[in-house]
């Protein structure tokens, strides 16, 4: 499990981290979660977003959250997420509350540790 929160995700740096961890844990369950500050809703119109998603997919990591995680007054963005390589059935989503300007994300998976 890796958690990320950064002002701007630097893809080269994240790529190196994922390469190190994913290479050593090919047969392991991998979860990468956090505030990536890349709006996944805009993947069709923003090259950095598409590059980020392609990188995650190339590592076999799939997004678990598909709804906006931050909803300011005039827009909705999806910047908080959980990526995993686990194929087991899981429940993922957002917790609706006013603790923060970001909605907490979660995933529940049934697997052996």
Protein backbone atom coordinates (compact mmCIF):
# COMPACT_ATOMS: atom_id res chain seq x y z
CA UNK A 1 0.00 0.00 0.00
CA UNK A 2 1.37 3.40 -0.99
CA UNK A 3 -0.27 6.75 -0.24
CA UNK A 4 0.47 9.89 -2.19
CA UNK A 5 -0.30 13.54 -1.57
CA UNK A 6 1.63 16.07 -3.54
CA UNK A 7 1.12 19.56 -4.91
CA UNK A 8 1.90 18.35 -8.41
CA UNK A 9 2.45 14.72 -9.23
CA UNK A 10 5.70 14.41 -11.14
CA UNK A 11 5.13 11.48 -13.48
CA UNK A 12 8.82 10.61 -13.85
CA UNK A 13 9.24 10.41 -10.08
CA UNK A 14 6.03 8.40 -9.62
CA UNK A 15 7.07 6.11 -12.48
CA UNK A 16 10.41 5.34 -10.79
CA UNK A 17 8.67 4.58 -7.49
CA UNK A 18 6.12 2.29 -9.16
CA UNK A 19 8.84 0.57 -11.18
CA UNK A 20 10.79 -0.24 -8.01
CA UNK A 21 7.77 -1.48 -6.07
CA UNK A 22 5.86 -3.24 -8.84
CA UNK A 23 8.95 -5.01 -10.14
CA UNK A 24 9.56 -6.59 -6.74
CA UNK A 25 5.93 -7.41 -6.04
CA UNK A 26 4.71 -8.94 -9.29
CA UNK A 27 2.53 -11.52 -7.54
CA UNK A 28 1.47 -9.20 -4.69
CA UNK A 29 -1.59 -7.06 -4.11
CA UNK A 30 -0.73 -3.43 -4.80
CA UNK A 31 -2.78 -0.41 -3.73
CA UNK A 32 -1.75 3.16 -4.54
CA UNK A 33 -4.02 5.81 -3.09
CA UNK A 34 -4.06 9.50 -2.42
CA UNK A 35 -4.54 13.00 -3.72
CA UNK A 36 -2.83 12.93 -7.11
CA UNK A 37 -3.87 16.48 -8.12
CA UNK A 38 -4.62 15.23 -11.62
CA UNK A 39 -8.28 15.52 -12.62
CA UNK A 40 -9.14 12.11 -14.07
CA UNK A 41 -12.42 13.45 -15.45
CA UNK A 42 -10.39 15.44 -18.02
CA UNK A 43 -8.43 12.51 -19.44
CA UNK A 44 -9.67 13.16 -22.98
CA UNK A 45 -8.62 16.82 -23.08
CA UNK A 46 -5.49 16.91 -20.89
CA UNK A 47 -2.36 15.07 -22.06
CA UNK A 48 -0.78 14.83 -18.57
CA UNK A 49 -3.93 13.13 -17.29
CA UNK A 50 -3.93 10.64 -20.16
CA UNK A 51 -0.20 9.96 -19.64
CA UNK A 52 -0.81 9.38 -15.93
CA UNK A 53 -3.67 6.94 -16.57
CA UNK A 54 -1.69 5.08 -19.23
CA UNK A 55 1.25 4.75 -16.84
CA UNK A 56 -0.98 3.33 -14.12
CA UNK A 57 -2.66 0.93 -16.57
CA UNK A 58 0.77 -0.21 -17.82
CA UNK A 59 1.58 -1.24 -14.24
CA UNK A 60 -1.70 -3.16 -14.07
CA UNK A 61 -3.20 -0.61 -11.66
CA UNK A 62 -6.87 0.22 -12.21
CA UNK A 63 -8.84 3.12 -10.77
CA UNK A 64 -11.48 2.33 -8.17
CA UNK A 65 -13.13 5.76 -7.96
CA UNK A 66 -15.11 7.15 -10.90
CA UNK A 67 -16.98 10.07 -9.33
CA UNK A 68 -15.74 13.56 -8.38
CA UNK A 69 -13.84 13.61 -5.08
CA UNK A 70 -13.77 17.37 -4.72
CA UNK A 71 -16.83 19.46 -5.41
CA UNK A 72 -16.19 23.20 -5.13
CA UNK A 73 -19.11 25.57 -5.76
CA UNK A 74 -18.66 25.86 -9.52
CA UNK A 75 -17.10 22.55 -10.63
CA UNK A 76 -16.39 18.92 -9.81
CA UNK A 77 -13.00 17.23 -10.07
CA UNK A 78 -11.67 13.72 -9.52
CA UNK A 79 -8.21 14.08 -7.98
CA UNK A 80 -8.39 11.64 -5.05
CA UNK A 81 -8.28 8.00 -6.01
CA UNK A 82 -7.33 4.43 -5.26
CA UNK A 83 -5.57 2.30 -7.85
CA UNK A 84 -5.12 -1.43 -7.39
CA UNK A 85 -3.98 -4.50 -9.26
CA UNK A 86 -6.22 -6.85 -7.29
CA UNK A 87 -8.88 -8.62 -9.33
CA UNK A 88 -10.89 -9.71 -6.31
CA UNK A 89 -14.35 -8.34 -5.82
CA UNK A 90 -14.33 -5.08 -3.89
CA UNK A 91 -16.49 -2.17 -2.84
CA UNK A 92 -15.10 1.31 -3.45
CA UNK A 93 -16.55 4.76 -3.17
CA UNK A 94 -16.67 8.18 -1.57
CA UNK A 95 -17.80 9.12 1.93
CA UNK A 96 -20.13 12.10 1.78
CA UNK A 97 -19.29 14.50 4.63
CA UNK A 98 -17.95 17.96 5.33
CA UNK A 99 -14.73 17.04 7.15
CA UNK A 100 -12.64 18.45 4.31
CA UNK A 101 -12.97 20.08 0.91
CA UNK A 102 -12.11 16.61 -0.47
CA UNK A 103 -14.42 13.62 -0.05
CA UNK A 104 -12.66 10.65 1.58
CA UNK A 105 -12.21 7.66 -0.75
CA UNK A 106 -12.33 4.03 0.36
CA UNK A 107 -12.07 0.50 -0.92
CA UNK A 108 -12.96 -2.75 0.81
CA UNK A 109 -11.47 -5.93 -0.62
CA UNK A 110 -11.78 -9.49 0.59
CA UNK A 111 -8.34 -11.08 0.27
CA UNK A 112 -5.66 -12.95 2.12
CA UNK A 113 -2.82 -10.86 3.46
